[in-house]
Amino acid sequence: MDDLCEHCQFNLGYIVDHIKEININNINDPMFTLNHDNFQYLCLECHNKKTFGTPKEKIREGFSFNELGELVYSPPIK
C-alpha cells in the first residue's frame, strides 16, 4: 500500500522527516531523534520546501532545484 505525503496529501510520500528539526542541542537524544511522534512522511517536493524554503527564500546563490525537486549546484551565469 502506498502512502500519500502527510503535507500535500497528493504525491506519494517516501521521505521520513523530523517534524521538529534536529539541531546541535538534541542530536544525541534518541528520545528526540528516534521518536515516532516526531516523524512525518513527505514527498520530495514538500520535504524540500520545508527544509530549504522556496527558491526565492532560502537557496544560497549558486544552487537551485532541478526538475526532480533536488537541490543542485548551478553556478551563476556571468
PDB file of N, CA and C in Angstrom:
ATOM      1  N   MET A   1       0.845  -1.188   0.000  1.00  0.00           N
ATOM      2  CA  MET A   1       0.000   0.000   0.000  1.00  0.00           C
ATOM      3  C   MET A   1       0.883   1.242   0.000  1.00  0.00           C
ATOM      4  N   ASP A   2       0.619   2.166  -0.901  1.00  0.00           N
ATOM      5  CA  ASP A   2       1.380   3.408  -0.980  1.00  0.00           C
ATOM      6  C   ASP A   2       0.714   4.464  -0.102  1.00  0.00           C
ATOM      7  N   ASP A   3       1.541   5.253   0.562  1.00  0.00           N
ATOM      8  CA  ASP A   3       1.020   6.293   1.445  1.00  0.00           C
ATOM      9  C   ASP A   3       1.260   7.666   0.836  1.00  0.00           C
ATOM     10  N   LEU A   4       0.275   8.536   0.992  1.00  0.00           N
ATOM     11  CA  LEU A   4       0.396   9.892   0.486  1.00  0.00           C
ATOM     12  C   LEU A   4       1.213  10.742   1.442  1.00  0.00           C
ATOM     13  N   CYS A   5       1.816  11.768   0.885  1.00  0.00           N
ATOM     14  CA  CYS A   5       2.549  12.760   1.662  1.00  0.00           C
ATOM     15  C   CYS A   5       1.612  13.330   2.724  1.00  0.00           C
ATOM     16  N   GLU A   6       2.105  13.427   3.965  1.00  0.00           N
ATOM     17  CA  GLU A   6       1.268  13.933   5.055  1.00  0.00           C
ATOM     18  C   GLU A   6       1.015  15.427   4.954  1.00  0.00           C
ATOM     19  N   HIS A   7       1.778  16.123   4.114  1.00  0.00           N
ATOM     20  CA  HIS A   7       1.573  17.567   3.986  1.00  0.00           C
ATOM     21  C   HIS A   7       0.608  17.891   2.855  1.00  0.00           C
ATOM     22  N   CYS A   8       0.944  17.494   1.623  1.00  0.00           N
ATOM     23  CA  CYS A   8       0.106  17.860   0.474  1.00  0.00           C
ATOM     24  C   CYS A   8      -1.040  16.886   0.230  1.00  0.00           C
ATOM     25  N   GLN A   9      -0.937  15.668   0.744  1.00  0.00           N
ATOM     26  CA  GLN A   9      -1.962  14.639   0.546  1.00  0.00           C
ATOM     27  C   GLN A   9      -2.218  14.346  -0.929  1.00  0.00           C
ATOM     28  N   PHE A  10      -1.204  14.615  -1.779  1.00  0.00           N
ATOM     29  CA  PHE A  10      -1.350  14.404  -3.216  1.00  0.00           C
ATOM     30  C   PHE A  10      -0.292  13.444  -3.747  1.00  0.00           C
ATOM     31  N   ASN A  11       0.975  13.801  -3.534  1.00  0.00           N
ATOM     32  CA  ASN A  11       2.093  12.977  -4.010  1.00  0.00           C
ATOM     33  C   ASN A  11       2.342  11.816  -3.054  1.00  0.00           C
ATOM     34  N   LEU A  12       2.986  10.780  -3.575  1.00  0.00           N
ATOM     35  CA  LEU A  12       3.392   9.674  -2.719  1.00  0.00           C
ATOM     36  C   LEU A  12       4.504  10.137  -1.795  1.00  0.00           C
ATOM     37  N   GLY A  13       4.386   9.819  -0.531  1.00  0.00           N
ATOM     38  CA  GLY A  13       5.436  10.145   0.420  1.00  0.00           C
ATOM     39  C   GLY A  13       6.466   9.030   0.456  1.00  0.00           C
ATOM     40  N   TYR A  14       7.737   9.392   0.551  1.00  0.00           N
ATOM     41  CA  TYR A  14       8.774   8.375   0.675  1.00  0.00           C
ATOM     42  C   TYR A  14       9.965   8.871   1.479  1.00  0.00           C
ATOM     43  N   ILE A  15       9.850  10.059   2.076  1.00  0.00           N
ATOM     44  CA  ILE A  15      10.925  10.597   2.903  1.00  0.00           C
ATOM     45  C   ILE A  15      10.397  10.706   4.332  1.00  0.00           C
ATOM     46  N   VAL A  16      11.077  10.051   5.272  1.00  0.00           N
ATOM     47  CA  VAL A  16      10.721  10.189   6.682  1.00  0.00           C
ATOM     48  C   VAL A  16      11.446  11.428   7.187  1.00  0.00           C
ATOM     49  N   ASP A  17      10.687  12.397   7.633  1.00  0.00           N
ATOM     50  CA  ASP A  17      11.221  13.704   8.015  1.00  0.00           C
ATOM     51  C   ASP A  17      10.912  13.964   9.486  1.00  0.00           C
ATOM     52  N   HIS A  18      11.816  14.675  10.165  1.00  0.00           N
ATOM     53  CA  HIS A  18      11.573  15.086  11.547  1.00  0.00           C
ATOM     54  C   HIS A  18      10.682  16.326  11.530  1.00  0.00           C
ATOM     55  N   ILE A  19       9.579  16.289  12.253  1.00  0.00           N
ATOM     56  CA  ILE A  19       8.681  17.436  12.342  1.00  0.00           C
ATOM     57  C   ILE A  19       9.408  18.594  13.010  1.00  0.00           C
ATOM     58  N   LYS A  20       9.963  18.336  14.182  1.00  0.00           N
ATOM     59  CA  LYS A  20      10.821  19.321  14.850  1.00  0.00           C
ATOM     60  C   LYS A  20      12.243  18.992  14.433  1.00  0.00           C
ATOM     61  N   GLU A  21      12.927  19.972  13.876  1.00  0.00           N
ATOM     62  CA  GLU A  21      14.249  19.748  13.296  1.00  0.00           C
ATOM     63  C   GLU A  21      15.289  19.317  14.323  1.00  0.00           C
ATOM     64  N   ILE A  22      16.199  18.478  13.867  1.00  0.00           N
ATOM     65  CA  ILE A  22      17.349  18.078  14.678  1.00  0.00           C
ATOM     66  C   ILE A  22      18.334  19.240  14.690  1.00  0.00           C
ATOM     67  N   ASN A  23      18.901  19.502  15.859  1.00  0.00           N
ATOM     68  CA  ASN A  23      19.916  20.550  15.971  1.00  0.00           C
ATOM     69  C   ASN A  23      21.005  20.099  16.930  1.00  0.00           C
ATOM     70  N   ILE A  24      21.943  20.949  17.161  1.00  0.00           N
ATOM     71  CA  ILE A  24      23.105  20.602  17.986  1.00  0.00           C
ATOM     72  C   ILE A  24      22.702  20.240  19.420  1.00  0.00           C
ATOM     73  N   ASN A  25      21.578  20.772  19.886  1.00  0.00           N
ATOM     74  CA  ASN A  25      21.142  20.519  21.255  1.00  0.00           C
ATOM     75  C   ASN A  25      20.405  19.193  21.435  1.00  0.00           C
ATOM     76  N   ASN A  26      19.854  18.631  20.341  1.00  0.00           N
ATOM     77  CA  ASN A  26      19.059  17.415  20.501  1.00  0.00           C
ATOM     78  C   ASN A  26      19.550  16.226  19.674  1.00  0.00           C
ATOM     79  N   ILE A  27      20.607  16.396  18.927  1.00  0.00           N
ATOM     80  CA  ILE A  27      21.057  15.343  18.011  1.00  0.00           C
ATOM     81  C   ILE A  27      21.463  14.054  18.731  1.00  0.00           C
ATOM     82  N   ASN A  28      21.931  14.150  19.943  1.00  0.00           N
ATOM     83  CA  ASN A  28      22.359  12.960  20.679  1.00  0.00           C
ATOM     84  C   ASN A  28      21.276  12.391  21.598  1.00  0.00           C
ATOM     85  N   ASP A  29      20.074  12.895  21.485  1.00  0.00           N
ATOM     86  CA  ASP A  29      18.967  12.450  22.325  1.00  0.00           C
ATOM     87  C   ASP A  29      18.054  11.516  21.527  1.00  0.00           C
ATOM     88  N   PRO A  30      18.180  10.195  21.724  1.00  0.00           N
ATOM     89  CA  PRO A  30      17.359   9.261  20.948  1.00  0.00           C
ATOM     90  C   PRO A  30      15.869   9.411  21.220  1.00  0.00           C
ATOM     91  N   MET A  31      15.490   9.973  22.377  1.00  0.00           N
ATOM     92  CA  MET A  31      14.075  10.211  22.655  1.00  0.00           C
ATOM     93  C   MET A  31      13.524  11.309  21.740  1.00  0.00           C
ATOM     94  N   PHE A  32      14.407  12.094  21.167  1.00  0.00           N
ATOM     95  CA  PHE A  32      14.004  13.118  20.201  1.00  0.00           C
ATOM     96  C   PHE A  32      14.204  12.625  18.770  1.00  0.00           C
ATOM     97  N   THR A  33      15.401  12.164  18.467  1.00  0.00           N
ATOM     98  CA  THR A  33      15.734  11.798  17.083  1.00  0.00           C
ATOM     99  C   THR A  33      15.039  10.533  16.605  1.00  0.00           C
ATOM    100  N   LEU A  34      14.718   9.611  17.513  1.00  0.00           N
ATOM    101  CA  LEU A  34      14.087   8.347  17.129  1.00  0.00           C
ATOM    102  C   LEU A  34      12.635   8.240  17.572  1.00  0.00           C
ATOM    103  N   ASN A  35      12.055   9.344  18.002  1.00  0.00           N
ATOM    104  CA  ASN A  35      10.685   9.364  18.493  1.00  0.00           C
ATOM    105  C   ASN A  35       9.708   9.379  17.315  1.00  0.00           C
ATOM    106  N   HIS A  36       8.907   8.346  17.186  1.00  0.00           N
ATOM    107  CA  HIS A  36       7.966   8.231  16.063  1.00  0.00           C
ATOM    108  C   HIS A  36       6.955   9.363  16.038  1.00  0.00           C
ATOM    109  N   ASP A  37       6.683   9.964  17.183  1.00  0.00           N
ATOM    110  CA  ASP A  37       5.764  11.105  17.209  1.00  0.00           C
ATOM    111  C   ASP A  37       6.357  12.339  16.545  1.00  0.00           C
ATOM    112  N   ASN A  38       7.663  12.326  16.299  1.00  0.00           N
ATOM    113  CA  ASN A  38       8.335  13.450  15.654  1.00  0.00           C
ATOM    114  C   ASN A  38       8.627  13.159  14.173  1.00  0.00           C
ATOM    115  N   PHE A  39       8.066  12.106  13.636  1.00  0.00           N
ATOM    116  CA  PHE A  39       8.273  11.751  12.229  1.00  0.00           C
ATOM    117  C   PHE A  39       7.047  12.106  11.398  1.00  0.00           C
ATOM    118  N   GLN A  40       7.301  12.469  10.158  1.00  0.00           N
ATOM    119  CA  GLN A  40       6.238  12.633   9.182  1.00  0.00           C
ATOM    120  C   GLN A  40       6.732  12.082   7.856  1.00  0.00           C
ATOM    121  N   TYR A  41       5.812  11.687   7.025  1.00  0.00           N
ATOM    122  CA  TYR A  41       6.096  11.053   5.745  1.00  0.00           C
ATOM    123  C   TYR A  41       5.818  12.077   4.653  1.00  0.00           C
ATOM    124  N   LEU A  42       6.867  12.529   3.937  1.00  0.00           N
ATOM    125  CA  LEU A  42       6.729  13.595   2.954  1.00  0.00           C
ATOM    126  C   LEU A  42       7.178  13.162   1.567  1.00  0.00           C
ATOM    127  N   CYS A  43       6.618  13.819   0.556  1.00  0.00           N
ATOM    128  CA  CYS A  43       7.139  13.675  -0.805  1.00  0.00           C
ATOM    129  C   CYS A  43       8.369  14.575  -0.921  1.00  0.00           C
ATOM    130  N   LEU A  44       9.129  14.417  -1.971  1.00  0.00           N
ATOM    131  CA  LEU A  44      10.353  15.204  -2.146  1.00  0.00           C
ATOM    132  C   LEU A  44      10.055  16.697  -2.220  1.00  0.00           C
ATOM    133  N   GLU A  45       9.002  17.078  -2.940  1.00  0.00           N
ATOM    134  CA  GLU A  45       8.676  18.495  -3.097  1.00  0.00           C
ATOM    135  C   GLU A  45       8.356  19.142  -1.744  1.00  0.00           C
ATOM    136  N   CYS A  46       7.525  18.513  -0.954  1.00  0.00           N
ATOM    137  CA  CYS A  46       7.182  19.072   0.363  1.00  0.00           C
ATOM    138  C   CYS A  46       8.385  19.055   1.305  1.00  0.00           C
ATOM    139  N   HIS A  47       9.190  18.001   1.245  1.00  0.00           N
ATOM    140  CA  HIS A  47      10.398  17.948   2.081  1.00  0.00           C
ATOM    141  C   HIS A  47      11.341  19.092   1.732  1.00  0.00           C
ATOM    142  N   ASN A  48      11.560  19.331   0.442  1.00  0.00           N
ATOM    143  CA  ASN A  48      12.472  20.404   0.042  1.00  0.00           C
ATOM    144  C   ASN A  48      11.926  21.775   0.422  1.00  0.00           C
ATOM    145  N   LYS A  49      10.623  21.969   0.295  1.00  0.00           N
ATOM    146  CA  LYS A  49      10.038  23.252   0.702  1.00  0.00           C
ATOM    147  C   LYS A  49      10.211  23.467   2.193  1.00  0.00           C
ATOM    148  N   LYS A  50       9.981  22.412   2.983  1.00  0.00           N
ATOM    149  CA  LYS A  50      10.112  22.531   4.432  1.00  0.00           C
ATOM    150  C   LYS A  50      11.571  22.763   4.823  1.00  0.00           C
ATOM    151  N   THR A  51      12.459  22.004   4.230  1.00  0.00           N
ATOM    152  CA  THR A  51      13.864  22.052   4.620  1.00  0.00           C
ATOM    153  C   THR A  51      14.602  23.261   4.044  1.00  0.00           C
ATOM    154  N   PHE A  52      14.343  23.572   2.786  1.00  0.00           N
ATOM    155  CA  PHE A  52      15.108  24.618   2.100  1.00  0.00           C
ATOM    156  C   PHE A  52      14.305  25.881   1.834  1.00  0.00           C
ATOM    157  N   GLY A  53      12.994  25.869   2.060  1.00  0.00           N
ATOM    158  CA  GLY A  53      12.148  27.018   1.745  1.00  0.00           C
ATOM    159  C   GLY A  53      11.908  27.089   0.249  1.00  0.00           C
ATOM    160  N   THR A  54      11.232  28.133  -0.173  1.00  0.00           N
ATOM    161  CA  THR A  54      11.037  28.301  -1.609  1.00  0.00           C
ATOM    162  C   THR A  54      12.329  28.841  -2.194  1.00  0.00           C
ATOM    163  N   PRO A  55      12.564  28.643  -3.475  1.00  0.00           N
ATOM    164  CA  PRO A  55      13.824  29.089  -4.077  1.00  0.00           C
ATOM    165  C   PRO A  55      14.165  30.544  -3.797  1.00  0.00           C
ATOM    166  N   LYS A  56      13.192  31.418  -3.765  1.00  0.00           N
ATOM    167  CA  LYS A  56      13.483  32.832  -3.533  1.00  0.00           C
ATOM    168  C   LYS A  56      13.781  33.127  -2.068  1.00  0.00           C
ATOM    169  N   GLU A  57      13.379  32.227  -1.166  1.00  0.00           N
ATOM    170  CA  GLU A  57      13.561  32.480   0.265  1.00  0.00           C
ATOM    171  C   GLU A  57      14.933  32.092   0.785  1.00  0.00           C
ATOM    172  N   LYS A  58      15.323  30.832   0.584  1.00  0.00           N
ATOM    173  CA  LYS A  58      16.459  30.321   1.337  1.00  0.00           C
ATOM    174  C   LYS A  58      17.597  29.732   0.522  1.00  0.00           C
ATOM    175  N   ILE A  59      17.467  29.577  -0.765  1.00  0.00           N
ATOM    176  CA  ILE A  59      18.523  28.897  -1.504  1.00  0.00           C
ATOM    177  C   ILE A  59      19.715  29.822  -1.681  1.00  0.00           C
ATOM    178  N   ARG A  60      20.853  29.322  -1.281  1.00  0.00           N
ATOM    179  CA  ARG A  60      22.092  30.074  -1.388  1.00  0.00           C
ATOM    180  C   ARG A  60      22.462  30.276  -2.847  1.00  0.00           C
ATOM    181  N   GLU A  61      23.066  31.400  -3.164  1.00  0.00           N
ATOM    182  CA  GLU A  61      23.494  31.681  -4.528  1.00  0.00           C
ATOM    183  C   GLU A  61      24.373  30.546  -5.044  1.00  0.00           C
ATOM    184  N   GLY A  62      24.130  30.145  -6.283  1.00  0.00           N
ATOM    185  CA  GLY A  62      24.890  29.051  -6.870  1.00  0.00           C
ATOM    186  C   GLY A  62      24.191  27.705  -6.773  1.00  0.00           C
ATOM    187  N   PHE A  63      22.981  27.683  -6.184  1.00  0.00           N
ATOM    188  CA  PHE A  63      22.216  26.451  -6.061  1.00  0.00           C
ATOM    189  C   PHE A  63      20.796  26.692  -6.553  1.00  0.00           C
ATOM    190  N   SER A  64      20.169  25.630  -7.020  1.00  0.00           N
ATOM    191  CA  SER A  64      18.777  25.700  -7.455  1.00  0.00           C
ATOM    192  C   SER A  64      18.166  24.312  -7.349  1.00  0.00           C
ATOM    193  N   PHE A  65      16.882  24.210  -7.636  1.00  0.00           N
ATOM    194  CA  PHE A  65      16.212  22.922  -7.678  1.00  0.00           C
ATOM    195  C   PHE A  65      16.109  22.471  -9.122  1.00  0.00           C
ATOM    196  N   ASN A  66      16.379  21.187  -9.388  1.00  0.00           N
ATOM    197  CA  ASN A  66      16.216  20.652 -10.739  1.00  0.00           C
ATOM    198  C   ASN A  66      14.774  20.206 -10.939  1.00  0.00           C
ATOM    199  N   GLU A  67      14.471  19.625 -12.103  1.00  0.00           N
ATOM    200  CA  GLU A  67      13.103  19.225 -12.435  1.00  0.00           C
ATOM    201  C   GLU A  67      12.554  18.127 -11.525  1.00  0.00           C
ATOM    202  N   LEU A  68      13.435  17.443 -10.779  1.00  0.00           N
ATOM    203  CA  LEU A  68      13.012  16.407  -9.834  1.00  0.00           C
ATOM    204  C   LEU A  68      12.836  16.958  -8.425  1.00  0.00           C
ATOM    205  N   GLY A  69      13.094  18.260  -8.263  1.00  0.00           N
ATOM    206  CA  GLY A  69      12.984  18.875  -6.946  1.00  0.00           C
ATOM    207  C   GLY A  69      14.204  18.696  -6.084  1.00  0.00           C
ATOM    208  N   GLU A  70      15.318  18.254  -6.692  1.00  0.00           N
ATOM    209  CA  GLU A  70      16.555  18.031  -5.947  1.00  0.00           C
ATOM    210  C   GLU A  70      17.401  19.309  -5.955  1.00  0.00           C
ATOM    211  N   LEU A  71      18.045  19.601  -4.834  1.00  0.00           N
ATOM    212  CA  LEU A  71      18.931  20.738  -4.751  1.00  0.00           C
ATOM    213  C   LEU A  71      20.219  20.436  -5.491  1.00  0.00           C
ATOM    214  N   VAL A  72      20.591  21.289  -6.442  1.00  0.00           N
ATOM    215  CA  VAL A  72      21.784  21.050  -7.262  1.00  0.00           C
ATOM    216  C   VAL A  72      22.603  22.321  -7.358  1.00  0.00           C
ATOM    217  N   TYR A  73      23.892  22.137  -7.619  1.00  0.00           N
ATOM    218  CA  TYR A  73      24.802  23.265  -7.828  1.00  0.00           C
ATOM    219  C   TYR A  73      24.532  23.843  -9.202  1.00  0.00           C
ATOM    220  N   SER A  74      24.364  25.154  -9.262  1.00  0.00           N
ATOM    221  CA  SER A  74      24.163  25.833 -10.539  1.00  0.00           C
ATOM    222  C   SER A  74      24.861  27.171 -10.475  1.00  0.00           C
ATOM    223  N   PRO A  75      26.084  27.222 -10.964  1.00  0.00           N
ATOM    224  CA  PRO A  75      26.859  28.463 -10.868  1.00  0.00           C
ATOM    225  C   PRO A  75      26.150  29.614 -11.579  1.00  0.00           C
ATOM    226  N   PRO A  76      26.283  30.814 -11.032  1.00  0.00           N
ATOM    227  CA  PRO A  76      25.649  31.976 -11.661  1.00  0.00           C
ATOM    228  C   PRO A  76      26.173  32.207 -13.066  1.00  0.00           C
ATOM    229  N   ILE A  77      25.308  32.642 -13.954  1.00  0.00           N
ATOM    230  CA  ILE A  77      25.705  32.978 -15.333  1.00  0.00           C
ATOM    231  C   ILE A  77      26.286  34.373 -15.322  1.00  0.00           C
ATOM    232  N   LYS A  78      27.456  34.505 -15.926  1.00  0.00           N
ATOM    233  CA  LYS A  78      28.133  35.822 -15.943  1.00  0.00           C
ATOM    234  C   LYS A  78      27.991  36.471 -17.282  1.00  0.00           C
TER     235      LYS A  78
END
